[in-house]
Amino acid sequence: MLAWVAGVLFVTEGFYLLVNTLALPFGSVDDPSAGAISAAAGLAVIFLAAFYRSFGDFRSYLGTLIVLISVGDLWFGGGFWVGSALGTIAGVLAICLPPYALRHTPG
């Protein structure tokens, strides 16, 4: 769920940068390119979060990809700190935690 929120924030930032008319000084690439990269990264994080719920055996690979995309979006996507922090935390949790909560049933 945390990765989905980060993905939605990346997509929102990407659309903002695509329609932004002011030049932002903190991005490593120009605004339209940063917006497209951020939107693509957001969609990728959303899909990886869905794959994490479906393919729990590959959680270390999916979590690593989520972390790399989140950190990459911080550098290439215009520098959105909140989304990158949430995505990085979600990726680390995806690596460390099982996809579903383990429930103990007495009996």
PDB file of N, CA and C in Angstrom:
ATOM      1  N   MET A   1       0.819  -1.190   0.000  1.00  0.00           N
ATOM      2  CA  MET A   1       0.000   0.000   0.000  1.00  0.00           C
ATOM      3  C   MET A   1       0.871   1.265   0.000  1.00  0.00           C
ATOM      4  N   LEU A   2       1.965   1.212   0.717  1.00  0.00           N
ATOM      5  CA  LEU A   2       2.861   2.361   0.776  1.00  0.00           C
ATOM      6  C   LEU A   2       3.494   2.625  -0.594  1.00  0.00           C
ATOM      7  N   ALA A   3       3.821   1.558  -1.310  1.00  0.00           N
ATOM      8  CA  ALA A   3       4.385   1.725  -2.645  1.00  0.00           C
ATOM      9  C   ALA A   3       3.353   2.294  -3.609  1.00  0.00           C
ATOM     10  N   TRP A   4       2.095   1.951  -3.443  1.00  0.00           N
ATOM     11  CA  TRP A   4       1.055   2.516  -4.297  1.00  0.00           C
ATOM     12  C   TRP A   4       0.928   4.013  -4.071  1.00  0.00           C
ATOM     13  N   VAL A   5       1.002   4.425  -2.822  1.00  0.00           N
ATOM     14  CA  VAL A   5       0.941   5.863  -2.517  1.00  0.00           C
ATOM     15  C   VAL A   5       2.136   6.575  -3.148  1.00  0.00           C
ATOM     16  N   ALA A   6       3.327   5.979  -3.025  1.00  0.00           N
ATOM     17  CA  ALA A   6       4.519   6.577  -3.640  1.00  0.00           C
ATOM     18  C   ALA A   6       4.366   6.638  -5.151  1.00  0.00           C
ATOM     19  N   GLY A   7       3.825   5.594  -5.762  1.00  0.00           N
ATOM     20  CA  GLY A   7       3.616   5.600  -7.204  1.00  0.00           C
ATOM     21  C   GLY A   7       2.646   6.671  -7.647  1.00  0.00           C
ATOM     22  N   VAL A   8       1.566   6.841  -6.902  1.00  0.00           N
ATOM     23  CA  VAL A   8       0.595   7.890  -7.237  1.00  0.00           C
ATOM     24  C   VAL A   8       1.233   9.274  -7.086  1.00  0.00           C
ATOM     25  N   LEU A   9       2.064   9.455  -6.053  1.00  0.00           N
ATOM     26  CA  LEU A   9       2.760  10.737  -5.892  1.00  0.00           C
ATOM     27  C   LEU A   9       3.731  10.989  -7.037  1.00  0.00           C
ATOM     28  N   PHE A  10       4.419   9.947  -7.512  1.00  0.00           N
ATOM     29  CA  PHE A  10       5.328  10.105  -8.648  1.00  0.00           C
ATOM     30  C   PHE A  10       4.557  10.494  -9.910  1.00  0.00           C
ATOM     31  N   VAL A  11       3.427   9.844 -10.140  1.00  0.00           N
ATOM     32  CA  VAL A  11       2.632  10.158 -11.326  1.00  0.00           C
ATOM     33  C   VAL A  11       2.104  11.593 -11.243  1.00  0.00           C
ATOM     34  N   THR A  12       1.631  11.987 -10.065  1.00  0.00           N
ATOM     35  CA  THR A  12       1.143  13.350  -9.882  1.00  0.00           C
ATOM     36  C   THR A  12       2.249  14.364 -10.121  1.00  0.00           C
ATOM     37  N   GLU A  13       3.430  14.084  -9.578  1.00  0.00           N
ATOM     38  CA  GLU A  13       4.562  14.983  -9.812  1.00  0.00           C
ATOM     39  C   GLU A  13       4.928  15.030 -11.286  1.00  0.00           C
ATOM     40  N   GLY A  14       4.869  13.893 -11.950  1.00  0.00           N
ATOM     41  CA  GLY A  14       5.194  13.854 -13.374  1.00  0.00           C
ATOM     42  C   GLY A  14       4.263  14.696 -14.210  1.00  0.00           C
ATOM     43  N   PHE A  15       2.955  14.604 -13.931  1.00  0.00           N
ATOM     44  CA  PHE A  15       2.008  15.434 -14.679  1.00  0.00           C
ATOM     45  C   PHE A  15       2.180  16.906 -14.346  1.00  0.00           C
ATOM     46  N   TYR A  16       2.538  17.212 -13.104  1.00  0.00           N
ATOM     47  CA  TYR A  16       2.799  18.611 -12.743  1.00  0.00           C
ATOM     48  C   TYR A  16       3.999  19.152 -13.511  1.00  0.00           C
ATOM     49  N   LEU A  17       5.057  18.352 -13.591  1.00  0.00           N
ATOM     50  CA  LEU A  17       6.243  18.822 -14.308  1.00  0.00           C
ATOM     51  C   LEU A  17       6.006  18.911 -15.814  1.00  0.00           C
ATOM     52  N   LEU A  18       5.113  18.077 -16.345  1.00  0.00           N
ATOM     53  CA  LEU A  18       4.814  18.160 -17.775  1.00  0.00           C
ATOM     54  C   LEU A  18       4.099  19.454 -18.140  1.00  0.00           C
ATOM     55  N   VAL A  19       3.229  19.950 -17.257  1.00  0.00           N
ATOM     56  CA  VAL A  19       2.471  21.158 -17.579  1.00  0.00           C
ATOM     57  C   VAL A  19       3.068  22.412 -16.939  1.00  0.00           C
ATOM     58  N   ASN A  20       4.143  22.265 -16.183  1.00  0.00           N
ATOM     59  CA  ASN A  20       4.759  23.396 -15.499  1.00  0.00           C
ATOM     60  C   ASN A  20       5.440  24.312 -16.508  1.00  0.00           C
ATOM     61  N   THR A  21       5.225  25.603 -16.360  1.00  0.00           N
ATOM     62  CA  THR A  21       5.852  26.559 -17.277  1.00  0.00           C
ATOM     63  C   THR A  21       7.097  27.205 -16.679  1.00  0.00           C
ATOM     64  N   LEU A  22       7.302  27.062 -15.382  1.00  0.00           N
ATOM     65  CA  LEU A  22       8.490  27.624 -14.744  1.00  0.00           C
ATOM     66  C   LEU A  22       9.619  26.603 -14.756  1.00  0.00           C
ATOM     67  N   ALA A  23      10.825  27.080 -14.918  1.00  0.00           N
ATOM     68  CA  ALA A  23      11.986  26.187 -14.875  1.00  0.00           C
ATOM     69  C   ALA A  23      12.348  25.924 -13.418  1.00  0.00           C
ATOM     70  N   LEU A  24      12.398  24.671 -13.033  1.00  0.00           N
ATOM     71  CA  LEU A  24      12.773  24.305 -11.668  1.00  0.00           C
ATOM     72  C   LEU A  24      14.271  24.077 -11.590  1.00  0.00           C
ATOM     73  N   PRO A  25      14.949  24.679 -10.640  1.00  0.00           N
ATOM     74  CA  PRO A  25      16.411  24.593 -10.616  1.00  0.00           C
ATOM     75  C   PRO A  25      16.964  23.301 -10.029  1.00  0.00           C
ATOM     76  N   PHE A  26      16.123  22.462  -9.387  1.00  0.00           N
ATOM     77  CA  PHE A  26      16.685  21.323  -8.674  1.00  0.00           C
ATOM     78  C   PHE A  26      16.669  20.038  -9.476  1.00  0.00           C
ATOM     79  N   GLY A  27      16.088  19.996 -10.649  1.00  0.00           N
ATOM     80  CA  GLY A  27      16.055  18.778 -11.452  1.00  0.00           C
ATOM     81  C   GLY A  27      17.339  18.615 -12.241  1.00  0.00           C
ATOM     82  N   SER A  28      17.704  17.367 -12.510  1.00  0.00           N
ATOM     83  CA  SER A  28      18.924  17.108 -13.269  1.00  0.00           C
ATOM     84  C   SER A  28      18.657  17.108 -14.772  1.00  0.00           C
ATOM     85  N   VAL A  29      17.385  17.069 -15.180  1.00  0.00           N
ATOM     86  CA  VAL A  29      17.009  17.149 -16.588  1.00  0.00           C
ATOM     87  C   VAL A  29      15.927  18.212 -16.724  1.00  0.00           C
ATOM     88  N   ASP A  30      15.581  18.574 -17.962  1.00  0.00           N
ATOM     89  CA  ASP A  30      14.565  19.621 -18.147  1.00  0.00           C
ATOM     90  C   ASP A  30      13.184  19.117 -17.698  1.00  0.00           C
ATOM     91  N   ASP A  31      12.263  20.044 -17.472  1.00  0.00           N
ATOM     92  CA  ASP A  31      10.970  19.727 -16.849  1.00  0.00           C
ATOM     93  C   ASP A  31      10.121  18.717 -17.626  1.00  0.00           C
ATOM     94  N   PRO A  32       9.932  18.855 -18.933  1.00  0.00           N
ATOM     95  CA  PRO A  32       9.097  17.847 -19.608  1.00  0.00           C
ATOM     96  C   PRO A  32       9.694  16.448 -19.550  1.00  0.00           C
ATOM     97  N   SER A  33      11.000  16.345 -19.690  1.00  0.00           N
ATOM     98  CA  SER A  33      11.641  15.028 -19.591  1.00  0.00           C
ATOM     99  C   SER A  33      11.537  14.481 -18.179  1.00  0.00           C
ATOM    100  N   ALA A  34      11.739  15.341 -17.184  1.00  0.00           N
ATOM    101  CA  ALA A  34      11.616  14.913 -15.788  1.00  0.00           C
ATOM    102  C   ALA A  34      10.189  14.479 -15.488  1.00  0.00           C
ATOM    103  N   GLY A  35       9.212  15.167 -16.047  1.00  0.00           N
ATOM    104  CA  GLY A  35       7.822  14.783 -15.848  1.00  0.00           C
ATOM    105  C   GLY A  35       7.505  13.429 -16.454  1.00  0.00           C
ATOM    106  N   ALA A  36       8.010  13.189 -17.657  1.00  0.00           N
ATOM    107  CA  ALA A  36       7.770  11.899 -18.300  1.00  0.00           C
ATOM    108  C   ALA A  36       8.463  10.773 -17.538  1.00  0.00           C
ATOM    109  N   ILE A  37       9.681  11.020 -17.077  1.00  0.00           N
ATOM    110  CA  ILE A  37      10.408  10.014 -16.300  1.00  0.00           C
ATOM    111  C   ILE A  37       9.692   9.738 -14.990  1.00  0.00           C
ATOM    112  N   SER A  38       9.226  10.767 -14.329  1.00  0.00           N
ATOM    113  CA  SER A  38       8.542  10.595 -13.056  1.00  0.00           C
ATOM    114  C   SER A  38       7.225   9.852 -13.221  1.00  0.00           C
ATOM    115  N   ALA A  39       6.464  10.181 -14.263  1.00  0.00           N
ATOM    116  CA  ALA A  39       5.202   9.482 -14.505  1.00  0.00           C
ATOM    117  C   ALA A  39       5.448   8.008 -14.826  1.00  0.00           C
ATOM    118  N   ALA A  40       6.462   7.724 -15.640  1.00  0.00           N
ATOM    119  CA  ALA A  40       6.791   6.331 -15.955  1.00  0.00           C
ATOM    120  C   ALA A  40       7.275   5.583 -14.713  1.00  0.00           C
ATOM    121  N   ALA A  41       8.069   6.254 -13.891  1.00  0.00           N
ATOM    122  CA  ALA A  41       8.541   5.624 -12.659  1.00  0.00           C
ATOM    123  C   ALA A  41       7.376   5.353 -11.706  1.00  0.00           C
ATOM    124  N   GLY A  42       6.422   6.273 -11.635  1.00  0.00           N
ATOM    125  CA  GLY A  42       5.251   6.073 -10.786  1.00  0.00           C
ATOM    126  C   GLY A  42       4.422   4.886 -11.233  1.00  0.00           C
ATOM    127  N   LEU A  43       4.206   4.762 -12.537  1.00  0.00           N
ATOM    128  CA  LEU A  43       3.467   3.606 -13.047  1.00  0.00           C
ATOM    129  C   LEU A  43       4.224   2.310 -12.797  1.00  0.00           C
ATOM    130  N   ALA A  44       5.537   2.354 -12.936  1.00  0.00           N
ATOM    131  CA  ALA A  44       6.342   1.160 -12.670  1.00  0.00           C
ATOM    132  C   ALA A  44       6.256   0.750 -11.202  1.00  0.00           C
ATOM    133  N   VAL A  45       6.299   1.713 -10.295  1.00  0.00           N
ATOM    134  CA  VAL A  45       6.199   1.403  -8.866  1.00  0.00           C
ATOM    135  C   VAL A  45       4.822   0.829  -8.538  1.00  0.00           C
ATOM    136  N   ILE A  46       3.779   1.372  -9.150  1.00  0.00           N
ATOM    137  CA  ILE A  46       2.432   0.844  -8.916  1.00  0.00           C
ATOM    138  C   ILE A  46       2.333  -0.602  -9.409  1.00  0.00           C
ATOM    139  N   PHE A  47       2.848  -0.886 -10.592  1.00  0.00           N
ATOM    140  CA  PHE A  47       2.806  -2.253 -11.110  1.00  0.00           C
ATOM    141  C   PHE A  47       3.661  -3.200 -10.272  1.00  0.00           C
ATOM    142  N   LEU A  48       4.826  -2.746  -9.831  1.00  0.00           N
ATOM    143  CA  LEU A  48       5.669  -3.591  -8.991  1.00  0.00           C
ATOM    144  C   LEU A  48       5.011  -3.882  -7.651  1.00  0.00           C
ATOM    145  N   ALA A  49       4.282  -2.911  -7.117  1.00  0.00           N
ATOM    146  CA  ALA A  49       3.550  -3.142  -5.870  1.00  0.00           C
ATOM    147  C   ALA A  49       2.450  -4.181  -6.080  1.00  0.00           C
ATOM    148  N   ALA A  50       1.789  -4.137  -7.224  1.00  0.00           N
ATOM    149  CA  ALA A  50       0.769  -5.147  -7.524  1.00  0.00           C
ATOM    150  C   ALA A  50       1.410  -6.513  -7.730  1.00  0.00           C
ATOM    151  N   PHE A  51       2.565  -6.553  -8.379  1.00  0.00           N
ATOM    152  CA  PHE A  51       3.269  -7.823  -8.558  1.00  0.00           C
ATOM    153  C   PHE A  51       3.743  -8.386  -7.232  1.00  0.00           C
ATOM    154  N   TYR A  52       4.096  -7.520  -6.297  1.00  0.00           N
ATOM    155  CA  TYR A  52       4.523  -7.965  -4.972  1.00  0.00           C
ATOM    156  C   TYR A  52       3.396  -8.720  -4.282  1.00  0.00           C
ATOM    157  N   ARG A  53       2.163  -8.239  -4.438  1.00  0.00           N
ATOM    158  CA  ARG A  53       1.026  -8.926  -3.830  1.00  0.00           C
ATOM    159  C   ARG A  53       0.730 -10.240  -4.547  1.00  0.00           C
ATOM    160  N   SER A  54       1.035 -10.325  -5.849  1.00  0.00           N
ATOM    161  CA  SER A  54       0.730 -11.522  -6.621  1.00  0.00           C
ATOM    162  C   SER A  54       1.855 -12.552  -6.596  1.00  0.00           C
ATOM    163  N   PHE A  55       3.077 -12.084  -6.677  1.00  0.00           N
ATOM    164  CA  PHE A  55       4.240 -12.971  -6.742  1.00  0.00           C
ATOM    165  C   PHE A  55       5.128 -12.735  -5.529  1.00  0.00           C
ATOM    166  N   GLY A  56       4.715 -13.232  -4.384  1.00  0.00           N
ATOM    167  CA  GLY A  56       5.436 -12.999  -3.140  1.00  0.00           C
ATOM    168  C   GLY A  56       6.794 -13.676  -3.072  1.00  0.00           C
ATOM    169  N   ASP A  57       7.008 -14.705  -3.901  1.00  0.00           N
ATOM    170  CA  ASP A  57       8.301 -15.397  -3.876  1.00  0.00           C
ATOM    171  C   ASP A  57       9.428 -14.526  -4.425  1.00  0.00           C
ATOM    172  N   PHE A  58       9.090 -13.541  -5.208  1.00  0.00           N
ATOM    173  CA  PHE A  58      10.090 -12.666  -5.815  1.00  0.00           C
ATOM    174  C   PHE A  58      10.190 -11.333  -5.089  1.00  0.00           C
ATOM    175  N   ARG A  59       9.851 -11.308  -3.808  1.00  0.00           N
ATOM    176  CA  ARG A  59       9.786 -10.039  -3.095  1.00  0.00           C
ATOM    177  C   ARG A  59      11.136  -9.346  -2.981  1.00  0.00           C
ATOM    178  N   SER A  60      12.239 -10.091  -2.908  1.00  0.00           N
ATOM    179  CA  SER A  60      13.544  -9.425  -2.815  1.00  0.00           C
ATOM    180  C   SER A  60      13.879  -8.709  -4.119  1.00  0.00           C
ATOM    181  N   TYR A  61      13.529  -9.287  -5.251  1.00  0.00           N
ATOM    182  CA  TYR A  61      13.780  -8.628  -6.534  1.00  0.00           C
ATOM    183  C   TYR A  61      12.861  -7.427  -6.732  1.00  0.00           C
ATOM    184  N   LEU A  62      11.589  -7.625  -6.413  1.00  0.00           N
ATOM    185  CA  LEU A  62      10.631  -6.533  -6.589  1.00  0.00           C
ATOM    186  C   LEU A  62      10.931  -5.376  -5.638  1.00  0.00           C
ATOM    187  N   GLY A  63      11.285  -5.671  -4.392  1.00  0.00           N
ATOM    188  CA  GLY A  63      11.641  -4.623  -3.439  1.00  0.00           C
ATOM    189  C   GLY A  63      12.877  -3.857  -3.871  1.00  0.00           C
ATOM    190  N   THR A  64      13.857  -4.581  -4.408  1.00  0.00           N
ATOM    191  CA  THR A  64      15.067  -3.922  -4.902  1.00  0.00           C
ATOM    192  C   THR A  64      14.743  -2.995  -6.071  1.00  0.00           C
ATOM    193  N   LEU A  65      13.883  -3.436  -6.975  1.00  0.00           N
ATOM    194  CA  LEU A  65      13.489  -2.576  -8.090  1.00  0.00           C
ATOM    195  C   LEU A  65      12.727  -1.345  -7.615  1.00  0.00           C
ATOM    196  N   ILE A  66      11.865  -1.520  -6.613  1.00  0.00           N
ATOM    197  CA  ILE A  66      11.132  -0.371  -6.083  1.00  0.00           C
ATOM    198  C   ILE A  66      12.092   0.646  -5.467  1.00  0.00           C
ATOM    199  N   VAL A  67      13.088   0.163  -4.727  1.00  0.00           N
ATOM    200  CA  VAL A  67      14.075   1.072  -4.132  1.00  0.00           C
ATOM    201  C   VAL A  67      14.862   1.791  -5.227  1.00  0.00           C
ATOM    202  N   LEU A  68      15.319   1.064  -6.233  1.00  0.00           N
ATOM    203  CA  LEU A  68      16.110   1.685  -7.299  1.00  0.00           C
ATOM    204  C   LEU A  68      15.302   2.708  -8.094  1.00  0.00           C
ATOM    205  N   ILE A  69      14.050   2.389  -8.381  1.00  0.00           N
ATOM    206  CA  ILE A  69      13.210   3.334  -9.124  1.00  0.00           C
ATOM    207  C   ILE A  69      12.930   4.573  -8.278  1.00  0.00           C
ATOM    208  N   SER A  70      12.698   4.389  -6.987  1.00  0.00           N
ATOM    209  CA  SER A  70      12.412   5.534  -6.110  1.00  0.00           C
ATOM    210  C   SER A  70      13.609   6.455  -5.982  1.00  0.00           C
ATOM    211  N   VAL A  71      14.787   5.885  -5.816  1.00  0.00           N
ATOM    212  CA  VAL A  71      15.997   6.709  -5.723  1.00  0.00           C
ATOM    213  C   VAL A  71      16.311   7.337  -7.076  1.00  0.00           C
ATOM    214  N   GLY A  72      16.098   6.602  -8.149  1.00  0.00           N
ATOM    215  CA  GLY A  72      16.317   7.158  -9.483  1.00  0.00           C
ATOM    216  C   GLY A  72      15.366   8.298  -9.793  1.00  0.00           C
ATOM    217  N   ASP A  73      14.127   8.185  -9.320  1.00  0.00           N
ATOM    218  CA  ASP A  73      13.182   9.283  -9.543  1.00  0.00           C
ATOM    219  C   ASP A  73      13.574  10.524  -8.754  1.00  0.00           C
ATOM    220  N   LEU A  74      14.211  10.322  -7.632  1.00  0.00           N
ATOM    221  CA  LEU A  74      14.701  11.480  -6.875  1.00  0.00           C
ATOM    222  C   LEU A  74      15.738  12.241  -7.686  1.00  0.00           C
ATOM    223  N   TRP A  75      16.594  11.539  -8.408  1.00  0.00           N
ATOM    224  CA  TRP A  75      17.653  12.192  -9.177  1.00  0.00           C
ATOM    225  C   TRP A  75      17.153  12.673 -10.544  1.00  0.00           C
ATOM    226  N   PHE A  76      16.440  11.814 -11.286  1.00  0.00           N
ATOM    227  CA  PHE A  76      16.065  12.146 -12.660  1.00  0.00           C
ATOM    228  C   PHE A  76      14.660  12.715 -12.797  1.00  0.00           C
ATOM    229  N   GLY A  77      13.817  12.514 -11.790  1.00  0.00           N
ATOM    230  CA  GLY A  77      12.424  12.917 -11.932  1.00  0.00           C
ATOM    231  C   GLY A  77      12.089  14.250 -11.337  1.00  0.00           C
ATOM    232  N   GLY A  78      13.036  15.039 -10.966  1.00  0.00           N
ATOM    233  CA  GLY A  78      12.747  16.368 -10.475  1.00  0.00           C
ATOM    234  C   GLY A  78      12.946  16.546  -8.987  1.00  0.00           C
ATOM    235  N   GLY A  79      13.233  15.495  -8.259  1.00  0.00           N
ATOM    236  CA  GLY A  79      13.586  15.644  -6.858  1.00  0.00           C
ATOM    237  C   GLY A  79      12.427  15.714  -5.887  1.00  0.00           C
ATOM    238  N   PHE A  80      11.437  14.826  -6.006  1.00  0.00           N
ATOM    239  CA  PHE A  80      10.301  14.824  -5.091  1.00  0.00           C
ATOM    240  C   PHE A  80      10.656  13.964  -3.878  1.00  0.00           C
ATOM    241  N   TRP A  81      10.948  14.608  -2.756  1.00  0.00           N
ATOM    242  CA  TRP A  81      11.487  13.930  -1.579  1.00  0.00           C
ATOM    243  C   TRP A  81      10.492  12.986  -0.918  1.00  0.00           C
ATOM    244  N   VAL A  82       9.242  13.405  -0.802  1.00  0.00           N
ATOM    245  CA  VAL A  82       8.252  12.607  -0.074  1.00  0.00           C
ATOM    246  C   VAL A  82       7.991  11.282  -0.795  1.00  0.00           C
ATOM    247  N   GLY A  83       7.764  11.350  -2.089  1.00  0.00           N
ATOM    248  CA  GLY A  83       7.524  10.129  -2.854  1.00  0.00           C
ATOM    249  C   GLY A  83       8.723   9.203  -2.861  1.00  0.00           C
ATOM    250  N   SER A  84       9.915   9.772  -2.965  1.00  0.00           N
ATOM    251  CA  SER A  84      11.122   8.946  -2.956  1.00  0.00           C
ATOM    252  C   SER A  84      11.341   8.283  -1.607  1.00  0.00           C
ATOM    253  N   ALA A  85      11.081   9.008  -0.531  1.00  0.00           N
ATOM    254  CA  ALA A  85      11.228   8.418   0.805  1.00  0.00           C
ATOM    255  C   ALA A  85      10.208   7.304   1.012  1.00  0.00           C
ATOM    256  N   LEU A  86       8.954   7.540   0.635  1.00  0.00           N
ATOM    257  CA  LEU A  86       7.928   6.507   0.781  1.00  0.00           C
ATOM    258  C   LEU A  86       8.237   5.292  -0.084  1.00  0.00           C
ATOM    259  N   GLY A  87       8.700   5.515  -1.301  1.00  0.00           N
ATOM    260  CA  GLY A  87       9.052   4.401  -2.179  1.00  0.00           C
ATOM    261  C   GLY A  87      10.232   3.604  -1.661  1.00  0.00           C
ATOM    262  N   THR A  88      11.227   4.286  -1.112  1.00  0.00           N
ATOM    263  CA  THR A  88      12.387   3.592  -0.556  1.00  0.00           C
ATOM    264  C   THR A  88      11.993   2.765   0.659  1.00  0.00           C
ATOM    265  N   ILE A  89      11.175   3.328   1.528  1.00  0.00           N
ATOM    266  CA  ILE A  89      10.710   2.581   2.695  1.00  0.00           C
ATOM    267  C   ILE A  89       9.869   1.385   2.256  1.00  0.00           C
ATOM    268  N   ALA A  90       9.003   1.591   1.265  1.00  0.00           N
ATOM    269  CA  ALA A  90       8.170   0.494   0.768  1.00  0.00           C
ATOM    270  C   ALA A  90       9.023  -0.611   0.160  1.00  0.00           C
ATOM    271  N   GLY A  91      10.079  -0.256  -0.566  1.00  0.00           N
ATOM    272  CA  GLY A  91      10.962  -1.264  -1.141  1.00  0.00           C
ATOM    273  C   GLY A  91      11.700  -2.057  -0.082  1.00  0.00           C
ATOM    274  N   VAL A  92      12.182  -1.378   0.951  1.00  0.00           N
ATOM    275  CA  VAL A  92      12.875  -2.083   2.042  1.00  0.00           C
ATOM    276  C   VAL A  92      11.906  -2.997   2.774  1.00  0.00           C
ATOM    277  N   LEU A  93      10.687  -2.532   3.009  1.00  0.00           N
ATOM    278  CA  LEU A  93       9.691  -3.387   3.660  1.00  0.00           C
ATOM    279  C   LEU A  93       9.299  -4.562   2.775  1.00  0.00           C
ATOM    280  N   ALA A  94       9.269  -4.365   1.471  1.00  0.00           N
ATOM    281  CA  ALA A  94       8.964  -5.465   0.560  1.00  0.00           C
ATOM    282  C   ALA A  94      10.052  -6.526   0.604  1.00  0.00           C
ATOM    283  N   ILE A  95      11.286  -6.100   0.786  1.00  0.00           N
ATOM    284  CA  ILE A  95      12.378  -7.063   0.886  1.00  0.00           C
ATOM    285  C   ILE A  95      12.307  -7.833   2.200  1.00  0.00           C
ATOM    286  N   CYS A  96      11.993  -7.143   3.277  1.00  0.00           N
ATOM    287  CA  CYS A  96      12.067  -7.736   4.617  1.00  0.00           C
ATOM    288  C   CYS A  96      10.816  -8.497   5.040  1.00  0.00           C
ATOM    289  N   LEU A  97       9.649  -8.073   4.601  1.00  0.00           N
ATOM    290  CA  LEU A  97       8.410  -8.646   5.100  1.00  0.00           C
ATOM    291  C   LEU A  97       7.781  -9.597   4.082  1.00  0.00           C
ATOM    292  N   PRO A  98       7.049 -10.601   4.566  1.00  0.00           N
ATOM    293  CA  PRO A  98       6.306 -11.457   3.631  1.00  0.00           C
ATOM    294  C   PRO A  98       5.139 -10.681   3.026  1.00  0.00           C
ATOM    295  N   PRO A  99       4.634 -11.112   1.862  1.00  0.00           N
ATOM    296  CA  PRO A  99       3.584 -10.342   1.197  1.00  0.00           C
ATOM    297  C   PRO A  99       2.261 -10.325   1.944  1.00  0.00           C
ATOM    298  N   TYR A 100       1.968 -11.343   2.722  1.00  0.00           N
ATOM    299  CA  TYR A 100       0.719 -11.381   3.468  1.00  0.00           C
ATOM    300  C   TYR A 100       1.038 -11.571   4.939  1.00  0.00           C
ATOM    301  N   ALA A 101       0.207 -11.014   5.770  1.00  0.00           N
ATOM    302  CA  ALA A 101       0.407 -11.157   7.204  1.00  0.00           C
ATOM    303  C   ALA A 101       0.187 -12.614   7.609  1.00  0.00           C
ATOM    304  N   LEU A 102       1.100 -13.141   8.401  1.00  0.00           N
ATOM    305  CA  LEU A 102       0.947 -14.504   8.889  1.00  0.00           C
ATOM    306  C   LEU A 102      -0.017 -14.483  10.079  1.00  0.00           C
ATOM    307  N   ARG A 103      -1.030 -15.323   9.994  1.00  0.00           N
ATOM    308  CA  ARG A 103      -2.028 -15.353  11.063  1.00  0.00           C
ATOM    309  C   ARG A 103      -1.974 -16.708  11.746  1.00  0.00           C
ATOM    310  N   HIS A 104      -1.995 -16.656  13.027  1.00  0.00           N
ATOM    311  CA  HIS A 104      -1.976 -17.885  13.816  1.00  0.00           C
ATOM    312  C   HIS A 104      -3.400 -18.215  14.228  1.00  0.00           C
ATOM    313  N   THR A 105      -3.841 -19.370  13.846  1.00  0.00           N
ATOM    314  CA  THR A 105      -5.169 -19.813  14.258  1.00  0.00           C
ATOM    315  C   THR A 105      -5.004 -20.862  15.335  1.00  0.00           C
ATOM    316  N   PRO A 106      -5.630 -20.658  16.459  1.00  0.00           N
ATOM    317  CA  PRO A 106      -5.498 -21.658  17.530  1.00  0.00           C
ATOM    318  C   PRO A 106      -6.179 -22.955  17.143  1.00  0.00           C
ATOM    319  N   GLY A 107      -5.564 -24.016  17.546  1.00  0.00           N
ATOM    320  CA  GLY A 107      -6.256 -25.264  17.261  1.00  0.00           C
ATOM    321  C   GLY A 107      -5.371 -26.372  17.087  1.00  0.00           C
TER     322      GLY A 107
END
